[in-house]
């Protein structure tokens, strides 16, 4: 597990990782979050929506961003202070998401970092755009 301090961060530093969005992951997320919207779980219901089939929870993608912040950049001990997300396109079961975290600004006096937090599907289409404010672990 990584753990970068403010002194080790620089604007443009990046981390990325791929996550496969499976039906099992979606069902587990629904159970844990208690978000059992049929749009995510019921194929017959979802077929009647504008998406034509079930879509994964938007916050499942958000949880992958959280995992990247806590495990990769800045990593262990980081305090997650704020997250803004815009869901641009649906994520379907079977999609592979590439989560990309980039240091976009350093607030050295407050010992905080602003991160660009984005997700792309296997076709390279951006499905989530966002930014986060974090306080890296002090070393």
N, C-alpha and C. Protein backbone atom coordinates (compact mmCIF):
# COMPACT_ATOMS: atom_id res chain seq x y z
N UNK A 1 0.85 -1.17 0.00
CA UNK A 1 0.00 0.00 0.00
C UNK A 1 0.89 1.24 0.00
N UNK A 2 0.53 2.22 -0.79
CA UNK A 2 1.28 3.46 -0.87
C UNK A 2 0.81 4.43 0.21
N UNK A 3 1.69 5.37 0.53
CA UNK A 3 1.34 6.45 1.44
C UNK A 3 2.24 7.63 1.13
N UNK A 4 1.70 8.63 0.43
CA UNK A 4 2.48 9.80 0.05
C UNK A 4 2.10 10.99 0.92
N UNK A 5 3.10 11.70 1.40
CA UNK A 5 2.88 12.91 2.19
C UNK A 5 2.75 14.11 1.25
N UNK A 6 2.39 15.26 1.78
CA UNK A 6 2.30 16.49 0.99
C UNK A 6 3.62 16.76 0.29
N UNK A 7 4.73 16.55 0.97
CA UNK A 7 6.06 16.83 0.40
C UNK A 7 6.35 15.94 -0.80
N UNK A 8 5.72 14.79 -0.85
CA UNK A 8 5.97 13.84 -1.94
C UNK A 8 5.01 14.02 -3.12
N UNK A 9 3.98 14.85 -2.95
CA UNK A 9 3.01 15.08 -4.02
C UNK A 9 3.47 16.22 -4.91
N UNK A 10 3.07 16.15 -6.18
CA UNK A 10 3.33 17.23 -7.12
C UNK A 10 2.17 17.29 -8.11
N UNK A 11 1.92 18.48 -8.61
CA UNK A 11 0.86 18.64 -9.60
C UNK A 11 1.21 17.78 -10.82
N UNK A 12 0.22 17.03 -11.29
CA UNK A 12 0.40 16.14 -12.43
C UNK A 12 0.67 14.70 -12.05
N UNK A 13 1.02 14.45 -10.78
CA UNK A 13 1.23 13.07 -10.33
C UNK A 13 -0.08 12.31 -10.51
N UNK A 14 0.01 11.08 -11.00
CA UNK A 14 -1.22 10.35 -11.35
C UNK A 14 -1.14 8.89 -10.94
N UNK A 15 -2.32 8.31 -10.82
CA UNK A 15 -2.47 6.88 -10.58
C UNK A 15 -3.70 6.43 -11.35
N UNK A 16 -3.67 5.21 -11.86
CA UNK A 16 -4.86 4.66 -12.52
C UNK A 16 -4.92 3.17 -12.31
N UNK A 17 -6.13 2.67 -12.36
CA UNK A 17 -6.36 1.25 -12.16
C UNK A 17 -7.67 0.88 -12.84
N UNK A 18 -7.77 -0.36 -13.29
CA UNK A 18 -9.00 -0.85 -13.92
C UNK A 18 -9.79 -1.71 -12.95
N UNK A 19 -11.12 -1.60 -13.04
CA UNK A 19 -12.05 -2.37 -12.23
C UNK A 19 -13.11 -2.95 -13.16
N UNK A 20 -13.35 -4.25 -13.06
CA UNK A 20 -14.41 -4.91 -13.81
C UNK A 20 -15.71 -4.80 -13.02
N UNK A 21 -16.74 -4.25 -13.65
CA UNK A 21 -18.04 -4.07 -13.00
C UNK A 21 -18.89 -5.31 -13.32
N UNK A 22 -19.07 -6.18 -12.34
CA UNK A 22 -19.81 -7.41 -12.56
C UNK A 22 -21.20 -7.34 -11.93
N UNK A 23 -22.05 -8.25 -12.34
CA UNK A 23 -23.38 -8.35 -11.73
C UNK A 23 -23.25 -8.66 -10.24
N UNK A 24 -22.27 -9.49 -9.88
CA UNK A 24 -22.06 -9.84 -8.47
C UNK A 24 -21.63 -8.62 -7.66
N UNK A 25 -20.77 -7.79 -8.24
CA UNK A 25 -20.35 -6.56 -7.57
C UNK A 25 -21.55 -5.64 -7.37
N UNK A 26 -22.38 -5.52 -8.41
CA UNK A 26 -23.57 -4.68 -8.30
C UNK A 26 -24.53 -5.18 -7.24
N UNK A 27 -24.74 -6.49 -7.17
CA UNK A 27 -25.64 -7.06 -6.17
C UNK A 27 -25.08 -6.84 -4.76
N UNK A 28 -23.76 -7.01 -4.60
CA UNK A 28 -23.14 -6.80 -3.29
C UNK A 28 -23.24 -5.32 -2.89
N UNK A 29 -23.03 -4.42 -3.85
CA UNK A 29 -23.13 -3.00 -3.56
C UNK A 29 -24.56 -2.63 -3.16
N UNK A 30 -25.54 -3.20 -3.86
CA UNK A 30 -26.95 -2.95 -3.52
C UNK A 30 -27.25 -3.41 -2.10
N UNK A 31 -26.72 -4.56 -1.73
CA UNK A 31 -26.96 -5.10 -0.39
C UNK A 31 -26.31 -4.22 0.69
N UNK A 32 -25.06 -3.84 0.45
CA UNK A 32 -24.35 -3.02 1.43
C UNK A 32 -24.95 -1.63 1.55
N UNK A 33 -25.25 -1.01 0.42
CA UNK A 33 -25.76 0.37 0.43
C UNK A 33 -27.26 0.45 0.70
N UNK A 34 -27.95 -0.67 0.52
CA UNK A 34 -29.41 -0.74 0.62
C UNK A 34 -30.10 0.03 -0.50
N UNK A 35 -29.37 0.33 -1.58
CA UNK A 35 -29.95 0.95 -2.77
C UNK A 35 -30.36 -0.18 -3.70
N UNK A 36 -31.63 -0.56 -3.61
CA UNK A 36 -32.14 -1.69 -4.40
C UNK A 36 -33.06 -1.22 -5.52
N UNK A 37 -32.75 -0.07 -6.07
CA UNK A 37 -33.48 0.48 -7.20
C UNK A 37 -33.51 -0.57 -8.31
N UNK A 38 -34.70 -0.89 -8.84
CA UNK A 38 -34.79 -1.93 -9.88
C UNK A 38 -34.01 -1.58 -11.15
N UNK A 39 -33.66 -0.34 -11.34
CA UNK A 39 -32.85 0.04 -12.49
C UNK A 39 -31.50 -0.69 -12.46
N UNK A 40 -31.04 -1.04 -11.26
CA UNK A 40 -29.77 -1.73 -11.10
C UNK A 40 -29.91 -3.25 -11.00
N UNK A 41 -31.10 -3.74 -10.61
CA UNK A 41 -31.23 -5.15 -10.26
C UNK A 41 -32.24 -5.94 -11.09
N UNK A 42 -33.20 -5.29 -11.69
CA UNK A 42 -34.30 -5.98 -12.37
C UNK A 42 -34.22 -5.74 -13.88
N UNK A 43 -33.82 -6.78 -14.60
CA UNK A 43 -33.62 -6.66 -16.04
C UNK A 43 -34.90 -6.26 -16.77
N UNK A 44 -36.02 -6.84 -16.38
CA UNK A 44 -37.30 -6.53 -17.03
C UNK A 44 -37.67 -5.05 -16.82
N UNK A 45 -37.52 -4.58 -15.60
CA UNK A 45 -37.79 -3.17 -15.30
C UNK A 45 -36.85 -2.27 -16.11
N UNK A 46 -35.56 -2.57 -16.05
CA UNK A 46 -34.55 -1.74 -16.70
C UNK A 46 -34.72 -1.70 -18.22
N UNK A 47 -35.24 -2.77 -18.79
CA UNK A 47 -35.45 -2.83 -20.24
C UNK A 47 -36.44 -1.76 -20.71
N UNK A 48 -37.31 -1.32 -19.79
CA UNK A 48 -38.32 -0.32 -20.14
C UNK A 48 -37.81 1.11 -19.95
N UNK A 49 -36.59 1.28 -19.48
CA UNK A 49 -36.03 2.62 -19.24
C UNK A 49 -35.27 3.10 -20.46
N UNK A 50 -34.82 4.32 -20.43
CA UNK A 50 -34.05 4.88 -21.53
C UNK A 50 -32.72 4.17 -21.75
N UNK A 51 -32.25 3.41 -20.74
CA UNK A 51 -30.98 2.70 -20.85
C UNK A 51 -31.14 1.36 -21.55
N UNK A 52 -32.36 0.79 -21.53
CA UNK A 52 -32.63 -0.47 -22.21
C UNK A 52 -32.16 -1.72 -21.50
N UNK A 53 -31.41 -1.54 -20.43
CA UNK A 53 -30.92 -2.66 -19.63
C UNK A 53 -30.42 -2.12 -18.29
N UNK A 54 -30.07 -3.03 -17.40
CA UNK A 54 -29.63 -2.62 -16.07
C UNK A 54 -28.33 -1.83 -16.15
N UNK A 55 -28.22 -0.85 -15.26
CA UNK A 55 -26.97 -0.09 -15.14
C UNK A 55 -26.44 -0.25 -13.72
N UNK A 56 -25.14 -0.10 -13.59
CA UNK A 56 -24.51 -0.17 -12.27
C UNK A 56 -24.81 1.11 -11.50
N UNK A 57 -24.77 1.02 -10.19
CA UNK A 57 -24.93 2.19 -9.33
C UNK A 57 -23.83 3.21 -9.65
N UNK A 58 -24.20 4.47 -9.76
CA UNK A 58 -23.20 5.51 -9.97
C UNK A 58 -22.18 5.56 -8.84
N UNK A 59 -22.66 5.35 -7.62
CA UNK A 59 -21.75 5.43 -6.49
C UNK A 59 -20.83 4.22 -6.39
N UNK A 60 -21.10 3.18 -7.16
CA UNK A 60 -20.13 2.08 -7.23
C UNK A 60 -18.85 2.62 -7.87
N UNK A 61 -19.00 3.38 -8.95
CA UNK A 61 -17.84 4.03 -9.56
C UNK A 61 -17.19 4.97 -8.55
N UNK A 62 -18.02 5.70 -7.78
CA UNK A 62 -17.50 6.58 -6.74
C UNK A 62 -16.69 5.81 -5.70
N UNK A 63 -17.11 4.61 -5.39
CA UNK A 63 -16.39 3.81 -4.40
C UNK A 63 -15.03 3.35 -4.95
N UNK A 64 -14.93 3.15 -6.26
CA UNK A 64 -13.64 2.81 -6.86
C UNK A 64 -12.69 4.00 -6.76
N UNK A 65 -13.23 5.21 -6.92
CA UNK A 65 -12.42 6.42 -6.74
C UNK A 65 -11.92 6.48 -5.30
N UNK A 66 -12.80 6.22 -4.35
CA UNK A 66 -12.42 6.21 -2.95
C UNK A 66 -11.31 5.20 -2.68
N UNK A 67 -11.42 4.03 -3.27
CA UNK A 67 -10.39 3.00 -3.10
C UNK A 67 -9.04 3.49 -3.63
N UNK A 68 -9.06 4.16 -4.76
CA UNK A 68 -7.82 4.67 -5.33
C UNK A 68 -7.18 5.73 -4.43
N UNK A 69 -8.01 6.60 -3.87
CA UNK A 69 -7.48 7.64 -2.98
C UNK A 69 -6.90 7.02 -1.72
N UNK A 70 -7.57 6.06 -1.15
CA UNK A 70 -7.12 5.44 0.09
C UNK A 70 -5.98 4.45 -0.06
N UNK A 71 -5.81 3.92 -1.28
CA UNK A 71 -4.81 2.87 -1.48
C UNK A 71 -3.66 3.27 -2.40
N UNK A 72 -3.88 4.26 -3.27
CA UNK A 72 -2.88 4.57 -4.29
C UNK A 72 -2.37 6.01 -4.23
N UNK A 73 -3.28 6.99 -4.31
CA UNK A 73 -2.88 8.39 -4.40
C UNK A 73 -3.86 9.29 -3.67
N UNK A 74 -3.50 9.84 -2.53
CA UNK A 74 -2.18 9.76 -1.89
C UNK A 74 -1.94 8.48 -1.09
N UNK A 75 -2.97 7.69 -0.82
CA UNK A 75 -2.78 6.40 -0.19
C UNK A 75 -3.10 6.37 1.29
N UNK A 76 -2.57 5.36 1.94
CA UNK A 76 -2.85 5.06 3.34
C UNK A 76 -2.80 6.31 4.22
N UNK A 77 -3.84 6.46 5.05
CA UNK A 77 -3.89 7.56 6.01
C UNK A 77 -4.47 8.84 5.47
N UNK A 78 -4.76 8.91 4.16
CA UNK A 78 -5.33 10.13 3.59
C UNK A 78 -6.74 10.35 4.16
N UNK A 79 -7.05 11.59 4.47
CA UNK A 79 -8.38 11.95 4.95
C UNK A 79 -9.14 12.55 3.77
N UNK A 80 -10.24 11.91 3.42
CA UNK A 80 -11.10 12.31 2.30
C UNK A 80 -12.01 13.42 2.83
N UNK A 81 -11.90 14.62 2.29
CA UNK A 81 -12.65 15.76 2.82
C UNK A 81 -13.84 16.17 1.96
N UNK A 82 -13.73 15.98 0.65
CA UNK A 82 -14.80 16.43 -0.24
C UNK A 82 -14.69 15.68 -1.55
N UNK A 83 -15.85 15.38 -2.15
CA UNK A 83 -15.87 14.74 -3.47
C UNK A 83 -17.02 15.33 -4.27
N UNK A 84 -16.74 15.72 -5.49
CA UNK A 84 -17.78 16.15 -6.42
C UNK A 84 -17.74 15.19 -7.60
N UNK A 85 -18.91 14.71 -8.01
CA UNK A 85 -19.00 13.76 -9.11
C UNK A 85 -20.09 14.20 -10.09
N UNK A 86 -19.82 14.03 -11.35
CA UNK A 86 -20.82 14.21 -12.40
C UNK A 86 -20.85 12.91 -13.20
N UNK A 87 -22.03 12.31 -13.29
CA UNK A 87 -22.20 11.05 -14.01
C UNK A 87 -22.56 11.38 -15.45
N UNK A 88 -21.65 11.12 -16.36
CA UNK A 88 -21.79 11.54 -17.76
C UNK A 88 -22.48 10.50 -18.64
N UNK A 89 -22.20 9.23 -18.39
CA UNK A 89 -22.77 8.14 -19.18
C UNK A 89 -23.02 6.97 -18.25
N UNK A 90 -23.94 6.08 -18.61
CA UNK A 90 -24.19 4.92 -17.76
C UNK A 90 -23.03 3.92 -17.79
N UNK A 91 -22.90 3.21 -16.69
CA UNK A 91 -21.95 2.11 -16.59
C UNK A 91 -22.79 0.84 -16.56
N UNK A 92 -22.49 -0.09 -17.44
CA UNK A 92 -23.23 -1.34 -17.53
C UNK A 92 -22.44 -2.47 -16.90
N UNK A 93 -23.15 -3.49 -16.44
CA UNK A 93 -22.48 -4.68 -15.95
C UNK A 93 -21.69 -5.28 -17.10
N UNK A 94 -20.47 -5.65 -16.82
CA UNK A 94 -19.57 -6.15 -17.85
C UNK A 94 -18.58 -5.10 -18.33
N UNK A 95 -18.83 -3.83 -18.01
CA UNK A 95 -17.89 -2.77 -18.37
C UNK A 95 -16.63 -2.87 -17.51
N UNK A 96 -15.54 -2.43 -18.07
CA UNK A 96 -14.29 -2.27 -17.33
C UNK A 96 -14.07 -0.78 -17.18
N UNK A 97 -13.98 -0.33 -15.93
CA UNK A 97 -13.75 1.09 -15.67
C UNK A 97 -12.27 1.33 -15.40
N UNK A 98 -11.73 2.35 -16.05
CA UNK A 98 -10.38 2.82 -15.73
C UNK A 98 -10.55 4.06 -14.88
N UNK A 99 -10.12 3.97 -13.63
CA UNK A 99 -10.21 5.09 -12.70
C UNK A 99 -8.88 5.81 -12.74
N UNK A 100 -8.95 7.11 -12.94
CA UNK A 100 -7.75 7.94 -13.05
C UNK A 100 -7.80 9.04 -12.00
N UNK A 101 -6.76 9.10 -11.18
CA UNK A 101 -6.62 10.14 -10.15
C UNK A 101 -5.39 10.97 -10.52
N UNK A 102 -5.55 12.29 -10.56
CA UNK A 102 -4.44 13.19 -10.90
C UNK A 102 -4.41 14.32 -9.89
N UNK A 103 -3.23 14.62 -9.37
CA UNK A 103 -3.08 15.78 -8.48
C UNK A 103 -3.20 17.02 -9.36
N UNK A 104 -4.23 17.84 -9.10
CA UNK A 104 -4.44 19.03 -9.92
C UNK A 104 -4.03 20.32 -9.23
N UNK A 105 -3.97 20.30 -7.90
CA UNK A 105 -3.59 21.51 -7.16
C UNK A 105 -3.12 21.11 -5.76
N UNK A 106 -2.12 21.81 -5.26
CA UNK A 106 -1.66 21.60 -3.90
C UNK A 106 -1.93 22.85 -3.08
N UNK A 107 -2.56 22.67 -1.93
CA UNK A 107 -2.80 23.77 -0.99
C UNK A 107 -1.82 23.57 0.17
N UNK A 108 -0.58 23.96 -0.07
CA UNK A 108 0.50 23.63 0.87
C UNK A 108 0.28 24.22 2.25
N UNK A 109 -0.27 25.43 2.33
CA UNK A 109 -0.48 26.05 3.64
C UNK A 109 -1.50 25.28 4.48
N UNK A 110 -2.46 24.66 3.84
CA UNK A 110 -3.49 23.87 4.55
C UNK A 110 -3.16 22.38 4.55
N UNK A 111 -2.07 22.01 3.87
CA UNK A 111 -1.67 20.61 3.74
C UNK A 111 -2.77 19.75 3.14
N UNK A 112 -3.30 20.26 2.02
CA UNK A 112 -4.38 19.56 1.30
C UNK A 112 -4.02 19.46 -0.17
N UNK A 113 -4.63 18.49 -0.83
CA UNK A 113 -4.45 18.32 -2.27
C UNK A 113 -5.81 18.24 -2.94
N UNK A 114 -5.92 18.86 -4.09
CA UNK A 114 -7.11 18.75 -4.93
C UNK A 114 -6.77 17.73 -6.02
N UNK A 115 -7.63 16.75 -6.18
CA UNK A 115 -7.42 15.67 -7.14
C UNK A 115 -8.50 15.69 -8.21
N UNK A 116 -8.11 15.45 -9.43
CA UNK A 116 -9.06 15.19 -10.50
C UNK A 116 -9.39 13.71 -10.41
N UNK A 117 -10.68 13.37 -10.40
CA UNK A 117 -11.12 11.98 -10.23
C UNK A 117 -12.06 11.61 -11.37
N UNK A 118 -11.55 10.82 -12.31
CA UNK A 118 -12.32 10.52 -13.51
C UNK A 118 -12.35 9.02 -13.79
N UNK A 119 -13.44 8.59 -14.44
CA UNK A 119 -13.60 7.18 -14.82
C UNK A 119 -13.92 7.11 -16.31
N UNK A 120 -13.34 6.10 -16.96
CA UNK A 120 -13.54 5.87 -18.39
C UNK A 120 -13.91 4.40 -18.59
N UNK A 121 -14.79 4.16 -19.56
CA UNK A 121 -15.14 2.76 -19.85
C UNK A 121 -14.11 2.16 -20.81
N UNK A 122 -14.31 0.91 -21.17
CA UNK A 122 -13.37 0.19 -22.03
C UNK A 122 -13.31 0.76 -23.44
N UNK A 123 -14.25 1.59 -23.81
CA UNK A 123 -14.24 2.25 -25.13
C UNK A 123 -13.54 3.60 -25.06
N UNK A 124 -13.05 3.97 -23.85
CA UNK A 124 -12.37 5.25 -23.68
C UNK A 124 -13.32 6.41 -23.44
N UNK A 125 -14.61 6.13 -23.29
CA UNK A 125 -15.59 7.19 -23.04
C UNK A 125 -15.57 7.57 -21.56
N UNK A 126 -15.54 8.86 -21.29
CA UNK A 126 -15.57 9.30 -19.90
C UNK A 126 -16.99 9.11 -19.37
N UNK A 127 -17.10 8.39 -18.27
CA UNK A 127 -18.41 8.10 -17.68
C UNK A 127 -18.63 8.87 -16.37
N UNK A 128 -17.55 9.25 -15.70
CA UNK A 128 -17.63 10.04 -14.46
C UNK A 128 -16.54 11.09 -14.50
N UNK A 129 -16.92 12.32 -14.13
CA UNK A 129 -15.95 13.41 -13.98
C UNK A 129 -16.07 13.92 -12.55
N UNK A 130 -14.96 14.23 -11.95
CA UNK A 130 -15.05 14.73 -10.59
C UNK A 130 -13.77 15.33 -10.07
N UNK A 131 -13.87 15.80 -8.83
CA UNK A 131 -12.70 16.31 -8.13
C UNK A 131 -12.87 16.00 -6.65
N UNK A 132 -11.74 15.86 -5.98
CA UNK A 132 -11.74 15.54 -4.56
C UNK A 132 -10.76 16.46 -3.84
N UNK A 133 -11.05 16.67 -2.57
CA UNK A 133 -10.15 17.39 -1.68
C UNK A 133 -9.72 16.40 -0.61
N UNK A 134 -8.42 16.24 -0.45
CA UNK A 134 -7.89 15.27 0.53
C UNK A 134 -6.78 15.90 1.36
N UNK A 135 -6.60 15.36 2.52
CA UNK A 135 -5.49 15.72 3.39
C UNK A 135 -4.60 14.49 3.51
N UNK A 136 -3.44 14.49 2.86
CA UNK A 136 -2.56 13.33 2.92
C UNK A 136 -2.05 13.08 4.33
N UNK A 137 -1.64 11.85 4.55
CA UNK A 137 -1.06 11.47 5.83
C UNK A 137 0.20 12.29 6.08
N UNK A 138 0.36 12.76 7.29
CA UNK A 138 1.58 13.48 7.64
C UNK A 138 2.63 12.48 8.06
N UNK A 139 3.85 12.67 7.56
CA UNK A 139 4.94 11.74 7.89
C UNK A 139 5.90 12.40 8.83
